[in-house]
Protein backbone atom coordinates (compact mmCIF):
# COMPACT_ATOMS: atom_id res chain seq x y z
CA MET A 1 -0.08 -0.02 0.28
CA ALA A 2 1.57 3.24 -1.21
CA PRO A 3 1.93 6.03 1.94
CA LEU A 4 -0.40 8.48 2.64
CA LYS A 5 0.32 12.33 1.61
CA TRP A 6 -2.10 13.72 3.95
CA THR A 7 -2.35 11.92 7.35
CA THR A 8 -3.04 14.91 10.30
CA HIS A 9 -5.69 16.55 11.45
CA THR A 10 -3.49 19.93 10.01
CA ALA A 11 -3.33 18.24 6.29
CA LEU A 12 -6.73 17.70 6.14
CA SER A 13 -8.25 20.50 7.37
CA ILE A 14 -10.33 22.51 4.85
CA ARG A 15 -10.06 26.14 2.82
CA ARG A 16 -12.76 28.39 3.45
CA ARG A 17 -13.79 31.81 2.64
CA PRO A 18 -16.13 32.99 5.60
CA GLU A 19 -18.28 35.99 4.41
CA VAL A 20 -20.92 35.75 7.25
CA ARG A 21 -20.70 38.41 9.67
CA ARG A 22 -20.96 37.95 13.53
CA GLU A 23 -23.85 39.70 13.94
CA GLU A 24 -25.77 37.87 11.01
CA TYR A 25 -24.50 34.65 12.67
CA LEU A 26 -25.57 35.21 15.95
CA ASP A 27 -29.16 36.44 14.71
CA PHE A 28 -29.27 33.67 12.09
CA MET A 29 -28.69 31.16 14.78
CA THR A 30 -31.31 32.56 17.48
CA PHE A 31 -34.14 32.58 14.55
CA GLN A 32 -33.93 36.54 14.82
CA ARG A 33 -32.77 37.09 11.23
CA ASN A 34 -32.63 34.24 8.29
CA ASP A 35 -32.06 36.12 5.20
CA ARG A 36 -30.01 33.45 3.41
CA PRO A 37 -28.71 29.70 4.23
CA LEU A 38 -25.48 28.75 5.61
CA PHE A 39 -23.66 26.00 4.52
CA THR A 40 -20.52 24.10 4.98
CA GLU A 41 -18.40 22.03 5.86
CA LEU A 42 -17.49 21.01 9.80
CA PHE A 43 -14.67 18.60 9.42
CA GLY A 44 -13.55 18.04 6.04
CA PRO A 45 -12.48 14.33 4.86
CA MET A 46 -11.47 11.48 6.02
CA LEU A 47 -7.76 9.83 5.89
CA GLY A 48 -7.36 8.56 2.41
CA LEU A 49 -9.82 10.73 0.69
CA LYS A 50 -7.81 13.33 -0.90
CA GLU A 51 -5.33 10.63 -2.28
CA GLU A 52 -8.92 8.92 -3.89
CA TRP A 53 -9.56 12.40 -5.06
CA GLU A 54 -5.96 13.52 -6.87
CA ALA A 55 -6.26 10.00 -8.57
CA GLN A 56 -9.80 10.77 -9.87
CA GLY A 57 -8.11 14.05 -11.13
CA ALA A 58 -9.17 17.01 -8.24
CA THR A 59 -7.69 20.14 -9.00
CA PRO A 60 -5.73 21.79 -6.07
CA ALA A 61 -8.28 23.80 -5.40
CA GLU A 62 -10.66 20.79 -5.20
CA LEU A 63 -8.22 19.27 -2.97
CA ASP A 64 -8.12 21.83 -0.67
CA PHE A 65 -11.62 22.63 -0.40
CA SER A 66 -11.44 26.09 -1.77
CA ALA A 67 -12.98 25.24 -5.35
CA PHE A 68 -16.44 24.55 -3.31
CA ARG A 69 -18.85 27.26 -2.30
CA TYR A 70 -19.80 27.68 1.36
CA ARG A 71 -21.20 30.27 3.39
CA CYS A 72 -20.41 30.32 6.67
CA GLU A 73 -18.86 32.67 9.80
CA GLU A 74 -15.19 33.24 10.69
CA ARG A 75 -14.56 32.43 14.22
CA TRP A 76 -12.11 33.62 16.67
CA HIS A 77 -11.18 31.63 19.59
CA VAL A 78 -9.74 33.15 22.62
CA PRO A 79 -5.96 32.24 22.84
CA VAL A 80 -7.30 31.19 26.40
CA VAL A 81 -6.50 27.48 27.96
CA THR A 82 -9.79 26.26 30.32
CA GLY A 83 -8.41 22.94 30.45
CA ARG A 84 -5.57 21.19 31.27
CA LEU A 85 -2.30 22.90 31.33
CA GLY A 86 1.04 20.96 31.92
CA GLY A 87 1.87 17.01 31.85
CA PHE A 88 4.48 14.64 31.77
CA PRO A 89 6.63 15.34 28.69
CA GLU A 90 5.95 12.59 25.66
CA ILE A 91 7.80 9.48 25.61
CA PRO A 92 7.99 7.56 22.61
CA ILE A 93 7.63 3.78 22.63
CA GLU A 94 7.51 2.52 19.50
CA GLU A 95 6.62 3.36 15.71
CA THR A 96 6.29 1.30 12.47
CA ASP A 97 4.74 1.81 9.11
CA ASP A 98 1.37 1.17 10.54
CA PHE A 99 1.20 3.05 14.07
CA ARG A 100 2.76 4.39 16.33
CA ILE A 101 2.93 4.21 20.11
CA TRP A 102 3.99 6.69 22.69
CA ARG A 103 3.12 8.04 26.34
CA ASP A 104 1.23 11.46 26.29
CA GLY A 105 1.04 14.12 28.44
CA LEU A 106 -1.35 12.60 31.16
CA GLY A 107 1.08 9.41 31.02
CA ARG A 108 -1.48 7.54 28.98
CA THR A 109 -0.16 4.84 26.68
CA MET A 110 -1.47 5.99 22.99
CA LYS A 111 -1.37 4.15 20.15
CA LEU A 112 -2.28 6.01 16.68
CA SER A 113 -3.25 3.55 13.48
CA LYS A 114 -1.39 5.85 10.84
CA ARG A 115 -3.17 4.24 7.57
CA VAL A 116 -6.74 4.28 9.25
CA ALA A 117 -7.15 7.15 11.99
CA THR A 118 -5.99 10.75 12.63
CA LEU A 119 -6.75 10.38 16.49
CA PRO A 120 -4.77 7.96 18.15
CA ILE A 121 -6.53 5.40 21.06
CA PRO A 122 -5.52 5.29 24.85
CA LEU A 123 -4.70 1.89 25.88
CA ASP A 124 -4.54 2.92 29.89
CA HIS A 125 -5.55 5.79 32.02
CA PRO A 126 -4.26 7.77 34.97
CA VAL A 127 -7.07 8.39 37.26
CA ARG A 128 -8.41 5.26 39.12
CA THR A 129 -8.75 6.35 42.90
CA MET A 130 -9.03 9.80 44.17
CA ASP A 131 -4.83 9.62 44.82
CA ASP A 132 -4.62 9.58 41.67
CA TRP A 133 -6.64 12.04 40.96
CA MET A 134 -4.36 14.26 43.25
CA ARG A 135 -1.10 13.46 41.66
CA VAL A 136 -2.71 15.36 38.53
CA ARG A 137 -4.93 17.94 39.89
CA GLN A 138 -2.45 20.68 39.85
CA TRP A 139 -2.57 20.78 36.05
CA TYR A 140 -6.25 21.85 36.14
CA ALA A 141 -5.59 24.57 38.76
CA TYR A 142 -5.74 28.26 37.86
CA SER A 143 -2.97 30.68 36.80
CA ASP A 144 -2.10 33.32 34.92
CA ALA A 145 -0.07 31.68 32.55
CA ARG A 146 -3.63 30.13 30.83
CA PHE A 147 -3.81 33.68 29.23
CA LEU A 148 -1.57 33.75 25.91
CA PRO A 149 0.48 37.74 25.37
CA ASP A 150 -1.68 39.48 23.29
CA TRP A 151 -4.94 37.37 24.16
CA ASP A 152 -7.00 40.63 24.71
CA THR A 153 -6.26 42.80 21.95
CA ALA A 154 -5.93 40.28 19.30
CA THR A 155 -9.56 39.53 20.50
CA LEU A 156 -10.95 42.65 20.29
CA ARG A 157 -9.30 43.44 16.96
CA ALA A 158 -11.11 39.78 16.12
CA ARG A 159 -14.68 41.29 16.95
CA GLN A 160 -14.21 44.62 15.49
CA GLU A 161 -13.54 42.56 12.01
CA GLY A 162 -16.81 40.81 12.36
CA LYS A 163 -15.79 37.29 13.81
CA VAL A 164 -17.54 35.27 15.61
CA ILE A 165 -15.68 35.56 19.10
CA CYS A 166 -16.06 31.83 20.70
CA VAL A 167 -14.43 30.27 24.19
CA SER A 168 -14.58 26.75 25.16
CA ILE A 169 -13.88 24.62 28.12
CA PRO A 170 -13.31 20.85 28.37
CA GLY A 171 -16.07 18.63 28.07
CA GLY A 172 -18.28 17.61 31.42
CA PHE A 173 -18.19 13.98 30.06
CA ASP A 174 -14.88 13.99 27.69
CA GLU A 175 -12.67 15.30 30.07
CA PRO A 176 -13.48 12.97 32.99
CA ARG A 177 -13.17 10.20 30.30
CA GLN A 178 -9.53 11.55 29.29
CA LEU A 179 -8.79 10.55 32.98
CA MET A 180 -10.64 7.81 33.58
CA GLY A 181 -11.36 6.01 30.20
CA GLU A 182 -15.47 5.42 29.82
CA GLU A 183 -15.99 2.67 31.37
CA GLY A 184 -13.94 3.85 34.59
CA LEU A 185 -16.09 6.68 33.93
CA CYS A 186 -19.36 5.40 34.12
CA THR A 187 -18.85 3.02 36.72
CA ALA A 188 -17.92 6.07 38.75
CA TYR A 189 -21.23 7.51 38.52
CA TYR A 190 -22.27 4.99 40.88
CA ASP A 191 -19.40 3.88 43.09
CA ARG A 192 -16.86 6.99 43.30
CA PRO A 193 -18.63 10.37 42.82
CA GLU A 194 -16.74 12.02 44.51
CA LEU A 195 -14.18 11.69 42.67
CA VAL A 196 -16.48 13.04 39.41
CA HIS A 197 -17.67 15.73 41.54
CA ASP A 198 -14.23 16.63 42.29
CA ILE A 199 -13.12 16.85 39.29
CA LEU A 200 -15.37 18.58 37.70
CA GLN A 201 -15.39 21.19 40.22
CA THR A 202 -11.56 21.65 39.78
CA ILE A 203 -11.91 22.05 36.23
CA GLY A 204 -15.27 24.21 36.60
CA ASP A 205 -13.96 26.81 38.99
CA THR A 206 -10.96 26.84 36.86
CA ALA A 207 -12.94 27.65 33.55
CA ARG A 208 -14.91 30.43 35.35
CA ARG A 209 -12.17 32.26 36.94
CA VAL A 210 -10.53 32.32 33.17
CA LEU A 211 -13.98 32.89 31.65
CA ALA A 212 -14.90 35.82 33.88
CA ARG A 213 -11.42 37.81 32.93
CA VAL A 214 -12.08 37.24 29.37
CA SER A 215 -15.45 38.46 29.24
CA ALA A 216 -15.03 41.28 31.92
CA ALA A 217 -12.26 42.51 28.72
CA VAL A 218 -14.42 41.33 25.62
CA GLN A 219 -17.83 40.50 24.43
CA VAL A 220 -17.93 36.80 24.32
CA ASP A 221 -20.51 35.37 21.89
CA LEU A 222 -20.55 31.83 21.54
CA LEU A 223 -19.37 28.88 24.46
CA SER A 224 -18.37 26.02 22.98
CA VAL A 225 -17.83 22.18 24.72
CA HIS A 226 -16.82 19.17 22.83
CA GLU A 227 -18.06 15.82 24.37
CA ASP A 228 -18.67 13.22 22.13
CA MET A 229 -20.27 11.10 24.49
CA ALA A 230 -22.85 8.93 22.34
CA GLY A 231 -22.53 6.13 19.69
CA ASN A 232 -25.28 5.11 17.24
CA LEU A 233 -27.42 3.30 20.57
CA GLY A 234 -27.57 6.72 22.68
CA PRO A 235 -25.63 8.26 24.95
CA LEU A 236 -22.88 6.87 27.21
CA ALA A 237 -24.21 9.23 30.34
CA GLY A 238 -28.22 9.42 30.89
CA PRO A 239 -30.53 12.05 32.13
CA LEU A 240 -29.60 11.23 35.99
CA GLN A 241 -25.99 11.44 34.95
CA VAL A 242 -26.29 14.91 33.39
CA ARG A 243 -28.08 16.24 36.02
CA GLU A 244 -26.11 15.70 38.64
CA PHE A 245 -22.80 15.78 37.40
CA ILE A 246 -22.70 17.59 34.03
CA ALA A 247 -25.46 20.10 34.35
CA PRO A 248 -24.34 21.96 37.32
CA TYR A 249 -20.84 22.15 35.52
CA TYR A 250 -22.25 23.62 32.37
CA ARG A 251 -24.66 25.97 34.23
CA ALA A 252 -21.45 27.79 36.42
CA ALA A 253 -19.57 28.33 33.02
CA TRP A 254 -22.71 29.60 30.79
CA GLU A 255 -24.77 31.86 33.29
CA PRO A 256 -22.18 34.15 34.17
CA LEU A 257 -21.35 34.79 30.28
CA ALA A 258 -25.38 34.47 29.39
CA GLU A 259 -25.47 37.58 31.76
CA ARG A 260 -22.63 39.32 29.77
CA GLY A 261 -24.79 38.75 26.76
CA ALA A 262 -23.23 35.52 25.38
CA ARG A 263 -26.04 34.15 22.85
CA LEU A 264 -25.19 30.70 21.80
CA PHE A 265 -23.64 27.60 24.54
CA GLU A 266 -22.74 25.22 21.38
CA GLN A 267 -21.96 21.42 22.08
CA ASP A 268 -20.12 18.86 19.69
CA SER A 269 -21.26 15.15 20.49
CA ASP A 270 -21.15 12.49 18.07
CA GLY A 271 -23.64 9.54 17.91
CA ASN A 272 -27.25 9.49 19.20
CA ILE A 273 -27.65 12.20 21.97
CA ALA A 274 -31.51 12.34 21.73
CA PRO A 275 -32.05 10.73 25.18
CA VAL A 276 -30.19 13.89 26.93
CA ILE A 277 -31.16 16.75 24.77
CA ASP A 278 -33.91 18.25 27.39
CA THR A 279 -31.40 17.39 30.30
CA PHE A 280 -28.59 20.11 28.12
CA LEU A 281 -31.09 22.17 27.31
CA GLU A 282 -32.11 23.06 31.22
CA ALA A 283 -28.18 23.22 31.26
CA GLY A 284 -28.03 26.37 29.09
CA VAL A 285 -27.36 24.50 25.83
CA ASN A 286 -28.98 26.15 22.87
CA VAL A 287 -27.06 24.86 19.65
CA MET A 288 -26.19 20.91 18.72
CA PHE A 289 -24.05 19.32 16.33
CA PRO A 290 -23.13 17.17 14.04
CA MET A 291 -26.70 15.47 14.13
CA GLU A 292 -25.59 12.31 12.91
CA ALA A 293 -28.25 10.86 10.68
CA ARG A 294 -27.58 7.13 11.04
CA ALA A 295 -27.39 7.67 14.70
CA GLY A 296 -31.28 8.80 14.64
CA MET A 297 -30.29 12.35 14.79
CA ASP A 298 -33.38 13.39 12.28
CA ILE A 299 -33.19 17.51 12.24
CA VAL A 300 -36.64 17.59 10.35
CA ALA A 301 -37.96 15.79 13.28
CA LEU A 302 -36.59 17.70 15.88
CA ARG A 303 -36.72 20.82 14.55
CA LYS A 304 -40.72 20.07 14.56
CA LYS A 305 -40.03 18.86 18.17
CA TYR A 306 -37.78 21.46 19.74
CA GLY A 307 -38.97 24.80 17.49
CA ARG A 308 -36.37 27.48 18.12
CA ARG A 309 -35.33 25.95 21.70
CA LEU A 310 -32.31 24.27 19.97
CA ALA A 311 -30.07 25.05 16.70
CA PHE A 312 -28.04 22.93 14.61
CA ALA A 313 -25.12 22.63 12.34
CA GLY A 314 -24.61 19.63 10.29
CA GLY A 315 -27.50 17.12 9.81
CA ILE A 316 -26.66 15.75 6.29
CA ASP A 317 -26.27 12.21 6.09
CA LYS A 318 -22.60 11.30 4.52
CA PHE A 319 -23.58 8.17 3.77
CA CYS A 320 -25.51 9.58 0.81
CA LEU A 321 -22.65 10.46 -0.79
CA LEU A 322 -21.74 7.09 -1.29
CA SER A 323 -24.65 5.90 -3.03
CA GLY A 324 -24.96 9.09 -6.05
CA PRO A 325 -27.05 11.31 -7.35
CA GLU A 326 -30.80 10.36 -6.44
CA ALA A 327 -29.82 9.29 -2.65
CA ILE A 328 -27.92 12.70 -2.35
CA ARG A 329 -30.96 14.56 -4.24
CA LYS A 330 -33.36 12.61 -2.08
CA GLU A 331 -31.89 13.76 1.05
CA LEU A 332 -31.43 17.01 0.44
CA GLU A 333 -34.86 17.59 -0.54
CA TYR A 334 -36.10 16.33 2.76
CA LYS A 335 -33.76 18.43 4.61
CA VAL A 336 -32.86 21.38 3.32
CA PRO A 337 -36.53 23.36 2.50
CA PRO A 338 -37.70 22.99 6.45
CA MET A 339 -34.18 23.82 7.59
CA VAL A 340 -33.86 27.03 5.26
CA ALA A 341 -37.54 27.83 5.49
CA SER A 342 -36.82 27.73 9.81
CA GLY A 343 -33.39 29.08 9.86
CA GLY A 344 -31.05 28.17 12.91
CA CYS A 345 -29.37 25.44 10.92
CA VAL A 346 -25.92 25.42 9.43
CA LEU A 347 -26.77 22.69 7.02
CA SER A 348 -23.50 20.43 6.33
CA LEU A 349 -22.51 17.14 6.27
CA ASP A 350 -23.16 15.21 9.80
CA HIS A 351 -19.15 14.43 10.23
CA ARG A 352 -15.97 13.96 8.19
CA ILE A 353 -16.81 12.98 4.20
CA LEU A 354 -16.04 9.19 3.90
CA THR A 355 -13.36 7.74 2.08
CA GLY A 356 -14.74 5.83 -0.75
CA THR A 357 -17.00 9.02 -1.73
CA PRO A 358 -16.55 9.83 -5.30
CA LEU A 359 -15.18 13.28 -6.04
CA ALA A 360 -18.42 13.63 -8.84
CA HIS A 361 -20.35 12.45 -5.93
CA TYR A 362 -19.19 15.42 -3.87
CA ARG A 363 -19.18 17.94 -6.86
CA PHE A 364 -23.16 16.81 -7.56
CA TYR A 365 -23.61 17.57 -3.31
CA ILE A 366 -22.58 20.70 -3.68
CA SER A 367 -24.30 21.84 -6.72
CA THR A 368 -27.45 20.20 -5.36
CA ALA A 369 -27.47 21.24 -2.10
CA TRP A 370 -26.92 25.13 -3.71
CA GLU A 371 -29.91 24.76 -6.19
CA LEU A 372 -32.23 23.69 -3.38
CA MET A 373 -31.25 26.51 -1.19
CA GLU A 374 -31.67 29.07 -3.60
CA ARG A 375 -35.03 27.75 -4.65
CA ALA A 376 -36.30 27.40 -0.79
CA SER A 377 -34.72 30.93 -0.17
CA GLY A 378 -36.40 32.64 -3.24
CA GLY A 379 -33.20 32.97 -4.54
CA GLY A 380 -31.24 34.20 -2.16
């Protein structure tokens, strides 16, 4: 097998030309304005797709995605750290043509399968007991080192340029999962709840202090959190666990920002998140993505259920691009008109573009999406 040319997240990143200013984006996602539809790619291609497209005659502009027409906002992520700051030095262990193994900053043994993934899998985790947590807890403490040089003036400049001002916090599920592993965290909800509470209390206190300083200096527009806490059959934590552990952490970060004018609280979680949507809405979340169709996240049905309480990004079944024009048009005809009519949805594929997607199918997807969006918006 020939070695891949594009092998990292950075190499797989895509070029877009953001043209939507912050005021329009914020109004659109809060259902205050719906002048024209928004359409983008959330994540870009999977490993190996660029090589396939190159062999199919893709131009350089198609390979970096600048050839494709999107309409989206430009974001500025405030250069501050709300999560782990510090850690162990990384130590290489083994590397072959197929995989790489190393010890990461948390002390975990990580394995990356080079030919199929850009994200590694942890083979072990550092926290099982309260004593384990106390050994790494210092990395989550507040310090002025969490603010990068020129963070405030750079952010004020970005706001003047019309960018959406974003800050993020560690996931209320995802960060304990990084420390404990999925099984360790899910059992700890029952047999070591004090450990989970202390982790989230520590992370939350630091995040709140950072966010308070940021929002005192500049208007924050959007708070984001990455969870990836669900598979196709449902989430790994149910409403009871979200309400007891995660929701207080969310509210403590979000409510002070909302009081100062922040308008969007955005959660990224793959899979079927439906059983806990209501609980997350109670905690302040009002935007969710990527809304994976094959996991049962039907954005048309969810819009009927939640109305203007919940905005989306994503939602278009990435698998339909494997099947060809008929399947692509059917998917778009079902989802584009109601989402364009209601607003509050940045239409996009519901995750990375699958390896094996023909370039011709993607070209058809882009042109058909715009045909339907412009028709639904009256020529927008």
